[in-house]
Amino acid sequence: MKSYDLYAELELITPEAKKEAQQALRAAKSPLKKIWQFAQGIQKHWANGSEPRIKQRWDSDGNPYYEVYDPISRQRLHCNSELEVRAWLEQRYYID
């Protein structure tokens, strides 16, 4: 006999009661999970809201390029090299 089954037997927990408790726990987790996911989305937005987004892509010939988006200025940039991206990032912080 498994230890959990022994516990259930000692506590007089019927299989039906166990099943009902598991269903109630799942039902309670569902709204909490949605709230947790919503809170994580807000935190992610605020934490990364002003940071530039940089994605590396490849054209049809297999050459890499970078798509850059600055959420503050709403500027989009297409760079052909990592060096261009770095130069843009540097000048971004030194604009008066």
PDB file of N, CA and C in Angstrom:
ATOM      1  N   MET A   1       0.845  -1.181   0.000  1.00  0.00           N
ATOM      2  CA  MET A   1       0.000   0.000   0.000  1.00  0.00           C
ATOM      3  C   MET A   1       0.890   1.244   0.000  1.00  0.00           C
ATOM      4  N   LYS A   2       0.584   2.208  -0.848  1.00  0.00           N
ATOM      5  CA  LYS A   2       1.357   3.444  -0.907  1.00  0.00           C
ATOM      6  C   LYS A   2       1.097   4.290   0.331  1.00  0.00           C
ATOM      7  N   SER A   3       2.069   5.136   0.660  1.00  0.00           N
ATOM      8  CA  SER A   3       1.918   5.957   1.862  1.00  0.00           C
ATOM      9  C   SER A   3       0.725   6.903   1.756  1.00  0.00           C
ATOM     10  N   TYR A   4       0.474   7.451   0.549  1.00  0.00           N
ATOM     11  CA  TYR A   4      -0.669   8.351   0.403  1.00  0.00           C
ATOM     12  C   TYR A   4      -1.969   7.592   0.614  1.00  0.00           C
ATOM     13  N   ASP A   5      -2.040   6.384   0.089  1.00  0.00           N
ATOM     14  CA  ASP A   5      -3.254   5.584   0.270  1.00  0.00           C
ATOM     15  C   ASP A   5      -3.482   5.279   1.741  1.00  0.00           C
ATOM     16  N   LEU A   6      -2.405   5.026   2.469  1.00  0.00           N
ATOM     17  CA  LEU A   6      -2.516   4.769   3.906  1.00  0.00           C
ATOM     18  C   LEU A   6      -3.031   6.017   4.614  1.00  0.00           C
ATOM     19  N   TYR A   7      -2.490   7.180   4.229  1.00  0.00           N
ATOM     20  CA  TYR A   7      -2.963   8.435   4.810  1.00  0.00           C
ATOM     21  C   TYR A   7      -4.454   8.624   4.529  1.00  0.00           C
ATOM     22  N   ALA A   8      -4.850   8.391   3.281  1.00  0.00           N
ATOM     23  CA  ALA A   8      -6.257   8.549   2.918  1.00  0.00           C
ATOM     24  C   ALA A   8      -7.136   7.600   3.720  1.00  0.00           C
ATOM     25  N   GLU A   9      -6.638   6.374   3.908  1.00  0.00           N
ATOM     26  CA  GLU A   9      -7.399   5.398   4.679  1.00  0.00           C
ATOM     27  C   GLU A   9      -7.525   5.823   6.134  1.00  0.00           C
ATOM     28  N   LEU A  10      -6.417   6.301   6.717  1.00  0.00           N
ATOM     29  CA  LEU A  10      -6.445   6.723   8.113  1.00  0.00           C
ATOM     30  C   LEU A  10      -7.333   7.941   8.324  1.00  0.00           C
ATOM     31  N   GLU A  11      -7.346   8.832   7.350  1.00  0.00           N
ATOM     32  CA  GLU A  11      -8.156  10.051   7.458  1.00  0.00           C
ATOM     33  C   GLU A  11      -9.578   9.851   6.943  1.00  0.00           C
ATOM     34  N   LEU A  12      -9.880   8.626   6.538  1.00  0.00           N
ATOM     35  CA  LEU A  12     -11.207   8.282   6.016  1.00  0.00           C
ATOM     36  C   LEU A  12     -11.579   9.099   4.782  1.00  0.00           C
ATOM     37  N   ILE A  13     -10.593   9.292   3.904  1.00  0.00           N
ATOM     38  CA  ILE A  13     -10.824  10.032   2.660  1.00  0.00           C
ATOM     39  C   ILE A  13     -11.244   9.029   1.599  1.00  0.00           C
ATOM     40  N   THR A  14     -12.444   9.196   1.103  1.00  0.00           N
ATOM     41  CA  THR A  14     -12.956   8.277   0.082  1.00  0.00           C
ATOM     42  C   THR A  14     -12.397   8.679  -1.284  1.00  0.00           C
ATOM     43  N   PRO A  15     -12.354   7.754  -2.218  1.00  0.00           N
ATOM     44  CA  PRO A  15     -11.910   8.104  -3.573  1.00  0.00           C
ATOM     45  C   PRO A  15     -12.756   9.212  -4.188  1.00  0.00           C
ATOM     46  N   GLU A  16     -14.055   9.223  -3.873  1.00  0.00           N
ATOM     47  CA  GLU A  16     -14.931  10.273  -4.403  1.00  0.00           C
ATOM     48  C   GLU A  16     -14.550  11.637  -3.821  1.00  0.00           C
ATOM     49  N   ALA A  17     -14.263  11.673  -2.532  1.00  0.00           N
ATOM     50  CA  ALA A  17     -13.869  12.931  -1.890  1.00  0.00           C
ATOM     51  C   ALA A  17     -12.533  13.413  -2.442  1.00  0.00           C
ATOM     52  N   LYS A  18     -11.622  12.469  -2.684  1.00  0.00           N
ATOM     53  CA  LYS A  18     -10.325  12.827  -3.254  1.00  0.00           C
ATOM     54  C   LYS A  18     -10.511  13.439  -4.645  1.00  0.00           C
ATOM     55  N   LYS A  19     -11.368  12.817  -5.452  1.00  0.00           N
ATOM     56  CA  LYS A  19     -11.629  13.310  -6.809  1.00  0.00           C
ATOM     57  C   LYS A  19     -12.273  14.699  -6.760  1.00  0.00           C
ATOM     58  N   GLU A  20     -13.214  14.898  -5.876  1.00  0.00           N
ATOM     59  CA  GLU A  20     -13.863  16.205  -5.730  1.00  0.00           C
ATOM     60  C   GLU A  20     -12.866  17.271  -5.297  1.00  0.00           C
ATOM     61  N   ALA A  21     -11.976  16.917  -4.391  1.00  0.00           N
ATOM     62  CA  ALA A  21     -10.962  17.871  -3.928  1.00  0.00           C
ATOM     63  C   ALA A  21     -10.017  18.254  -5.062  1.00  0.00           C
ATOM     64  N   GLN A  22      -9.644  17.265  -5.883  1.00  0.00           N
ATOM     65  CA  GLN A  22      -8.760  17.560  -7.013  1.00  0.00           C
ATOM     66  C   GLN A  22      -9.456  18.461  -8.024  1.00  0.00           C
ATOM     67  N   GLN A  23     -10.728  18.223  -8.291  1.00  0.00           N
ATOM     68  CA  GLN A  23     -11.488  19.057  -9.219  1.00  0.00           C
ATOM     69  C   GLN A  23     -11.624  20.481  -8.677  1.00  0.00           C
ATOM     70  N   ALA A  24     -11.874  20.609  -7.398  1.00  0.00           N
ATOM     71  CA  ALA A  24     -11.997  21.935  -6.781  1.00  0.00           C
ATOM     72  C   ALA A  24     -10.665  22.684  -6.856  1.00  0.00           C
ATOM     73  N   LEU A  25      -9.580  21.963  -6.647  1.00  0.00           N
ATOM     74  CA  LEU A  25      -8.254  22.589  -6.728  1.00  0.00           C
ATOM     75  C   LEU A  25      -7.966  23.063  -8.139  1.00  0.00           C
ATOM     76  N   ARG A  26      -8.293  22.248  -9.141  1.00  0.00           N
ATOM     77  CA  ARG A  26      -8.093  22.656 -10.543  1.00  0.00           C
ATOM     78  C   ARG A  26      -8.942  23.876 -10.876  1.00  0.00           C
ATOM     79  N   ALA A  27     -10.182  23.888 -10.419  1.00  0.00           N
ATOM     80  CA  ALA A  27     -11.083  25.015 -10.688  1.00  0.00           C
ATOM     81  C   ALA A  27     -10.570  26.291 -10.028  1.00  0.00           C
ATOM     82  N   ALA A  28      -9.995  26.168  -8.841  1.00  0.00           N
ATOM     83  CA  ALA A  28      -9.466  27.338  -8.141  1.00  0.00           C
ATOM     84  C   ALA A  28      -8.200  27.850  -8.814  1.00  0.00           C
ATOM     85  N   LYS A  29      -7.396  26.950  -9.364  1.00  0.00           N
ATOM     86  CA  LYS A  29      -6.139  27.351 -10.004  1.00  0.00           C
ATOM     87  C   LYS A  29      -6.378  28.105 -11.300  1.00  0.00           C
ATOM     88  N   SER A  30      -7.442  27.785 -12.009  1.00  0.00           N
ATOM     89  CA  SER A  30      -7.682  28.385 -13.317  1.00  0.00           C
ATOM     90  C   SER A  30      -7.765  29.915 -13.268  1.00  0.00           C
ATOM     91  N   PRO A  31      -8.631  30.521 -12.420  1.00  0.00           N
ATOM     92  CA  PRO A  31      -8.662  31.988 -12.361  1.00  0.00           C
ATOM     93  C   PRO A  31      -7.350  32.576 -11.835  1.00  0.00           C
ATOM     94  N   LEU A  32      -6.743  31.887 -10.867  1.00  0.00           N
ATOM     95  CA  LEU A  32      -5.479  32.384 -10.332  1.00  0.00           C
ATOM     96  C   LEU A  32      -4.387  32.356 -11.388  1.00  0.00           C
ATOM     97  N   LYS A  33      -4.404  31.327 -12.213  1.00  0.00           N
ATOM     98  CA  LYS A  33      -3.416  31.228 -13.289  1.00  0.00           C
ATOM     99  C   LYS A  33      -3.580  32.380 -14.274  1.00  0.00           C
ATOM    100  N   LYS A  34      -4.816  32.720 -14.602  1.00  0.00           N
ATOM    101  CA  LYS A  34      -5.073  33.830 -15.524  1.00  0.00           C
ATOM    102  C   LYS A  34      -4.601  35.151 -14.921  1.00  0.00           C
ATOM    103  N   ILE A  35      -4.858  35.351 -13.650  1.00  0.00           N
ATOM    104  CA  ILE A  35      -4.412  36.575 -12.973  1.00  0.00           C
ATOM    105  C   ILE A  35      -2.890  36.634 -12.959  1.00  0.00           C
ATOM    106  N   TRP A  36      -2.251  35.509 -12.665  1.00  0.00           N
ATOM    107  CA  TRP A  36      -0.787  35.446 -12.627  1.00  0.00           C
ATOM    108  C   TRP A  36      -0.198  35.754 -14.010  1.00  0.00           C
ATOM    109  N   GLN A  37      -0.768  35.187 -15.056  1.00  0.00           N
ATOM    110  CA  GLN A  37      -0.276  35.445 -16.416  1.00  0.00           C
ATOM    111  C   GLN A  37      -0.455  36.916 -16.781  1.00  0.00           C
ATOM    112  N   PHE A  38      -1.575  37.506 -16.394  1.00  0.00           N
ATOM    113  CA  PHE A  38      -1.821  38.916 -16.658  1.00  0.00           C
ATOM    114  C   PHE A  38      -0.785  39.783 -15.942  1.00  0.00           C
ATOM    115  N   ALA A  39      -0.527  39.469 -14.677  1.00  0.00           N
ATOM    116  CA  ALA A  39       0.465  40.229 -13.908  1.00  0.00           C
ATOM    117  C   ALA A  39       1.861  40.086 -14.503  1.00  0.00           C
ATOM    118  N   GLN A  40       2.200  38.897 -14.973  1.00  0.00           N
ATOM    119  CA  GLN A  40       3.498  38.706 -15.602  1.00  0.00           C
ATOM    120  C   GLN A  40       3.603  39.519 -16.888  1.00  0.00           C
ATOM    121  N   GLY A  41       2.523  39.596 -17.644  1.00  0.00           N
ATOM    122  CA  GLY A  41       2.515  40.384 -18.876  1.00  0.00           C
ATOM    123  C   GLY A  41       2.743  41.859 -18.597  1.00  0.00           C
ATOM    124  N   ILE A  42       2.088  42.375 -17.565  1.00  0.00           N
ATOM    125  CA  ILE A  42       2.275  43.779 -17.194  1.00  0.00           C
ATOM    126  C   ILE A  42       3.710  44.032 -16.746  1.00  0.00           C
ATOM    127  N   GLN A  43       4.230  43.122 -15.919  1.00  0.00           N
ATOM    128  CA  GLN A  43       5.609  43.273 -15.441  1.00  0.00           C
ATOM    129  C   GLN A  43       6.583  43.242 -16.601  1.00  0.00           C
ATOM    130  N   LYS A  44       6.372  42.339 -17.529  1.00  0.00           N
ATOM    131  CA  LYS A  44       7.263  42.239 -18.690  1.00  0.00           C
ATOM    132  C   LYS A  44       7.190  43.508 -19.529  1.00  0.00           C
ATOM    133  N   HIS A  45       5.997  44.041 -19.702  1.00  0.00           N
ATOM    134  CA  HIS A  45       5.828  45.272 -20.486  1.00  0.00           C
ATOM    135  C   HIS A  45       6.567  46.438 -19.839  1.00  0.00           C
ATOM    136  N   TRP A  46       6.380  46.610 -18.533  1.00  0.00           N
ATOM    137  CA  TRP A  46       7.026  47.734 -17.854  1.00  0.00           C
ATOM    138  C   TRP A  46       8.525  47.551 -17.736  1.00  0.00           C
ATOM    139  N   ALA A  47       8.965  46.324 -17.548  1.00  0.00           N
ATOM    140  CA  ALA A  47      10.406  46.081 -17.411  1.00  0.00           C
ATOM    141  C   ALA A  47      11.134  46.299 -18.725  1.00  0.00           C
ATOM    142  N   ASN A  48      10.503  45.935 -19.828  1.00  0.00           N
ATOM    143  CA  ASN A  48      11.153  46.034 -21.132  1.00  0.00           C
ATOM    144  C   ASN A  48      10.518  47.095 -22.020  1.00  0.00           C
ATOM    145  N   GLY A  49       9.663  47.911 -21.467  1.00  0.00           N
ATOM    146  CA  GLY A  49       8.907  48.854 -22.269  1.00  0.00           C
ATOM    147  C   GLY A  49       9.727  49.888 -23.000  1.00  0.00           C
ATOM    148  N   SER A  50      10.854  50.316 -22.455  1.00  0.00           N
ATOM    149  CA  SER A  50      11.638  51.355 -23.104  1.00  0.00           C
ATOM    150  C   SER A  50      12.908  50.824 -23.762  1.00  0.00           C
ATOM    151  N   GLU A  51      13.156  49.544 -23.629  1.00  0.00           N
ATOM    152  CA  GLU A  51      14.366  48.959 -24.213  1.00  0.00           C
ATOM    153  C   GLU A  51      14.155  48.692 -25.704  1.00  0.00           C
ATOM    154  N   PRO A  52      15.185  48.951 -26.509  1.00  0.00           N
ATOM    155  CA  PRO A  52      15.058  48.643 -27.942  1.00  0.00           C
ATOM    156  C   PRO A  52      14.940  47.138 -28.159  1.00  0.00           C
ATOM    157  N   ARG A  53      14.228  46.786 -29.191  1.00  0.00           N
ATOM    158  CA  ARG A  53      14.066  45.374 -29.544  1.00  0.00           C
ATOM    159  C   ARG A  53      14.868  45.106 -30.813  1.00  0.00           C
ATOM    160  N   ILE A  54      15.725  44.120 -30.743  1.00  0.00           N
ATOM    161  CA  ILE A  54      16.610  43.808 -31.859  1.00  0.00           C
ATOM    162  C   ILE A  54      16.402  42.347 -32.236  1.00  0.00           C
ATOM    163  N   LYS A  55      16.121  42.116 -33.505  1.00  0.00           N
ATOM    164  CA  LYS A  55      15.933  40.754 -33.999  1.00  0.00           C
ATOM    165  C   LYS A  55      16.869  40.512 -35.169  1.00  0.00           C
ATOM    166  N   GLN A  56      17.528  39.388 -35.152  1.00  0.00           N
ATOM    167  CA  GLN A  56      18.357  39.021 -36.290  1.00  0.00           C
ATOM    168  C   GLN A  56      17.508  38.224 -37.263  1.00  0.00           C
ATOM    169  N   ARG A  57      17.596  38.594 -38.510  1.00  0.00           N
ATOM    170  CA  ARG A  57      16.843  37.927 -39.579  1.00  0.00           C
ATOM    171  C   ARG A  57      17.815  37.567 -40.698  1.00  0.00           C
ATOM    172  N   TRP A  58      17.320  36.795 -41.657  1.00  0.00           N
ATOM    173  CA  TRP A  58      18.110  36.451 -42.828  1.00  0.00           C
ATOM    174  C   TRP A  58      17.278  36.724 -44.068  1.00  0.00           C
ATOM    175  N   ASP A  59      17.930  37.289 -45.088  1.00  0.00           N
ATOM    176  CA  ASP A  59      17.220  37.555 -46.338  1.00  0.00           C
ATOM    177  C   ASP A  59      17.150  36.269 -47.167  1.00  0.00           C
ATOM    178  N   SER A  60      16.568  36.355 -48.351  1.00  0.00           N
ATOM    179  CA  SER A  60      16.369  35.165 -49.178  1.00  0.00           C
ATOM    180  C   SER A  60      17.681  34.536 -49.648  1.00  0.00           C
ATOM    181  N   ASP A  61      18.757  35.317 -49.648  1.00  0.00           N
ATOM    182  CA  ASP A  61      20.072  34.781 -50.024  1.00  0.00           C
ATOM    183  C   ASP A  61      20.838  34.217 -48.833  1.00  0.00           C
ATOM    184  N   GLY A  62      20.252  34.298 -47.647  1.00  0.00           N
ATOM    185  CA  GLY A  62      20.905  33.766 -46.450  1.00  0.00           C
ATOM    186  C   GLY A  62      21.806  34.761 -45.742  1.00  0.00           C
ATOM    187  N   ASN A  63      21.761  36.024 -46.145  1.00  0.00           N
ATOM    188  CA  ASN A  63      22.579  37.056 -45.503  1.00  0.00           C
ATOM    189  C   ASN A  63      21.872  37.586 -44.260  1.00  0.00           C
ATOM    190  N   PRO A  64      22.606  37.720 -43.163  1.00  0.00           N
ATOM    191  CA  PRO A  64      21.959  38.226 -41.945  1.00  0.00           C
ATOM    192  C   PRO A  64      21.755  39.734 -41.991  1.00  0.00           C
ATOM    193  N   TYR A  65      20.680  40.179 -41.358  1.00  0.00           N
ATOM    194  CA  TYR A  65      20.445  41.602 -41.138  1.00  0.00           C
ATOM    195  C   TYR A  65      19.717  41.731 -39.810  1.00  0.00           C
ATOM    196  N   TYR A  66      19.577  42.950 -39.335  1.00  0.00           N
ATOM    197  CA  TYR A  66      18.980  43.189 -38.023  1.00  0.00           C
ATOM    198  C   TYR A  66      17.814  44.151 -38.162  1.00  0.00           C
ATOM    199  N   GLU A  67      16.712  43.807 -37.509  1.00  0.00           N
ATOM    200  CA  GLU A  67      15.568  44.702 -37.400  1.00  0.00           C
ATOM    201  C   GLU A  67      15.608  45.295 -36.001  1.00  0.00           C
ATOM    202  N   VAL A  68      15.601  46.606 -35.909  1.00  0.00           N
ATOM    203  CA  VAL A  68      15.683  47.295 -34.623  1.00  0.00           C
ATOM    204  C   VAL A  68      14.448  48.160 -34.469  1.00  0.00           C
ATOM    205  N   TYR A  69      13.861  48.139 -33.274  1.00  0.00           N
ATOM    206  CA  TYR A  69      12.706  48.983 -32.974  1.00  0.00           C
ATOM    207  C   TYR A  69      12.949  49.684 -31.650  1.00  0.00           C
ATOM    208  N   ASP A  70      12.789  51.002 -31.663  1.00  0.00           N
ATOM    209  CA  ASP A  70      12.927  51.803 -30.448  1.00  0.00           C
ATOM    210  C   ASP A  70      11.531  52.223 -30.003  1.00  0.00           C
ATOM    211  N   PRO A  71      11.013  51.661 -28.898  1.00  0.00           N
ATOM    212  CA  PRO A  71       9.650  51.987 -28.473  1.00  0.00           C
ATOM    213  C   PRO A  71       9.485  53.421 -27.980  1.00  0.00           C
ATOM    214  N   ILE A  72      10.560  54.078 -27.604  1.00  0.00           N
ATOM    215  CA  ILE A  72      10.454  55.468 -27.149  1.00  0.00           C
ATOM    216  C   ILE A  72      10.193  56.401 -28.326  1.00  0.00           C
ATOM    217  N   SER A  73      11.028  56.300 -29.369  1.00  0.00           N
ATOM    218  CA  SER A  73      10.870  57.176 -30.535  1.00  0.00           C
ATOM    219  C   SER A  73       9.983  56.557 -31.612  1.00  0.00           C
ATOM    220  N   ARG A  74       9.642  55.274 -31.415  1.00  0.00           N
ATOM    221  CA  ARG A  74       8.874  54.502 -32.397  1.00  0.00           C
ATOM    222  C   ARG A  74       9.591  54.428 -33.743  1.00  0.00           C
ATOM    223  N   GLN A  75      10.880  54.459 -33.680  1.00  0.00           N
ATOM    224  CA  GLN A  75      11.719  54.398 -34.872  1.00  0.00           C
ATOM    225  C   GLN A  75      12.040  52.941 -35.193  1.00  0.00           C
ATOM    226  N   ARG A  76      11.953  52.601 -36.475  1.00  0.00           N
ATOM    227  CA  ARG A  76      12.337  51.266 -36.941  1.00  0.00           C
ATOM    228  C   ARG A  76      13.575  51.429 -37.808  1.00  0.00           C
ATOM    229  N   LEU A  77      14.458  50.460 -37.690  1.00  0.00           N
ATOM    230  CA  LEU A  77      15.731  50.549 -38.376  1.00  0.00           C
ATOM    231  C   LEU A  77      16.081  49.192 -38.948  1.00  0.00           C
ATOM    232  N   HIS A  78      16.675  49.207 -40.126  1.00  0.00           N
ATOM    233  CA  HIS A  78      17.155  47.990 -40.774  1.00  0.00           C
ATOM    234  C   HIS A  78      18.667  48.128 -40.868  1.00  0.00           C
ATOM    235  N   CYS A  79      19.402  47.240 -40.185  1.00  0.00           N
ATOM    236  CA  CYS A  79      20.866  47.308 -40.184  1.00  0.00           C
ATOM    237  C   CYS A  79      21.433  46.067 -40.850  1.00  0.00           C
ATOM    238  N   ASN A  80      22.492  46.266 -41.615  1.00  0.00           N
ATOM    239  CA  ASN A  80      23.120  45.146 -42.311  1.00  0.00           C
ATOM    240  C   ASN A  80      24.197  44.458 -41.493  1.00  0.00           C
ATOM    241  N   SER A  81      24.609  45.078 -40.389  1.00  0.00           N
ATOM    242  CA  SER A  81      25.659  44.457 -39.575  1.00  0.00           C
ATOM    243  C   SER A  81      25.423  44.751 -38.095  1.00  0.00           C
ATOM    244  N   GLU A  82      26.050  43.943 -37.268  1.00  0.00           N
ATOM    245  CA  GLU A  82      25.986  44.151 -35.831  1.00  0.00           C
ATOM    246  C   GLU A  82      26.657  45.472 -35.466  1.00  0.00           C
ATOM    247  N   LEU A  83      27.684  45.830 -36.217  1.00  0.00           N
ATOM    248  CA  LEU A  83      28.388  47.093 -35.971  1.00  0.00           C
ATOM    249  C   LEU A  83      27.453  48.291 -36.143  1.00  0.00           C
ATOM    250  N   GLU A  84      26.593  48.251 -37.160  1.00  0.00           N
ATOM    251  CA  GLU A  84      25.609  49.325 -37.355  1.00  0.00           C
ATOM    252  C   GLU A  84      24.651  49.414 -36.167  1.00  0.00           C
ATOM    253  N   VAL A  85      24.221  48.266 -35.674  1.00  0.00           N
ATOM    254  CA  VAL A  85      23.307  48.230 -34.521  1.00  0.00           C
ATOM    255  C   VAL A  85      23.990  48.852 -33.310  1.00  0.00           C
ATOM    256  N   ARG A  86      25.248  48.465 -33.073  1.00  0.00           N
ATOM    257  CA  ARG A  86      25.986  49.005 -31.930  1.00  0.00           C
ATOM    258  C   ARG A  86      26.164  50.517 -32.045  1.00  0.00           C
ATOM    259  N   ALA A  87      26.460  51.005 -33.246  1.00  0.00           N
ATOM    260  CA  ALA A  87      26.621  52.446 -33.453  1.00  0.00           C
ATOM    261  C   ALA A  87      25.305  53.173 -33.182  1.00  0.00           C
ATOM    262  N   TRP A  88      24.207  52.607 -33.645  1.00  0.00           N
ATOM    263  CA  TRP A  88      22.903  53.220 -33.403  1.00  0.00           C
ATOM    264  C   TRP A  88      22.585  53.250 -31.907  1.00  0.00           C
ATOM    265  N   LEU A  89      22.877  52.145 -31.213  1.00  0.00           N
ATOM    266  CA  LEU A  89      22.625  52.102 -29.775  1.00  0.00           C
ATOM    267  C   LEU A  89      23.454  53.155 -29.033  1.00  0.00           C
ATOM    268  N   GLU A  90      24.700  53.312 -29.416  1.00  0.00           N
ATOM    269  CA  GLU A  90      25.558  54.310 -28.779  1.00  0.00           C
ATOM    270  C   GLU A  90      25.009  55.717 -28.993  1.00  0.00           C
ATOM    271  N   GLN A  91      24.666  56.076 -30.212  1.00  0.00           N
ATOM    272  CA  GLN A  91      24.174  57.437 -30.478  1.00  0.00           C
ATOM    273  C   GLN A  91      22.829  57.680 -29.838  1.00  0.00           C
ATOM    274  N   ARG A  92      22.056  56.614 -29.638  1.00  0.00           N
ATOM    275  CA  ARG A  92      20.744  56.745 -28.997  1.00  0.00           C
ATOM    276  C   ARG A  92      20.855  57.312 -27.595  1.00  0.00           C
ATOM    277  N   TYR A  93      21.892  56.948 -26.874  1.00  0.00           N
ATOM    278  CA  TYR A  93      22.068  57.407 -25.496  1.00  0.00           C
ATOM    279  C   TYR A  93      22.726  58.776 -25.403  1.00  0.00           C
ATOM    280  N   TYR A  94      23.253  59.273 -26.505  1.00  0.00           N
ATOM    281  CA  TYR A  94      23.951  60.567 -26.456  1.00  0.00           C
ATOM    282  C   TYR A  94      23.216  61.677 -27.161  1.00  0.00           C
ATOM    283  N   ILE A  95      21.947  61.469 -27.465  1.00  0.00           N
ATOM    284  CA  ILE A  95      21.149  62.508 -28.110  1.00  0.00           C
ATOM    285  C   ILE A  95      20.782  63.546 -27.056  1.00  0.00           C
ATOM    286  N   ASP A  96      20.985  64.811 -27.368  1.00  0.00           N
ATOM    287  CA  ASP A  96      20.654  65.905 -26.427  1.00  0.00           C
ATOM    288  C   ASP A  96      19.221  66.329 -26.548  1.00  0.00           C
TER     289      ASP A  96
END
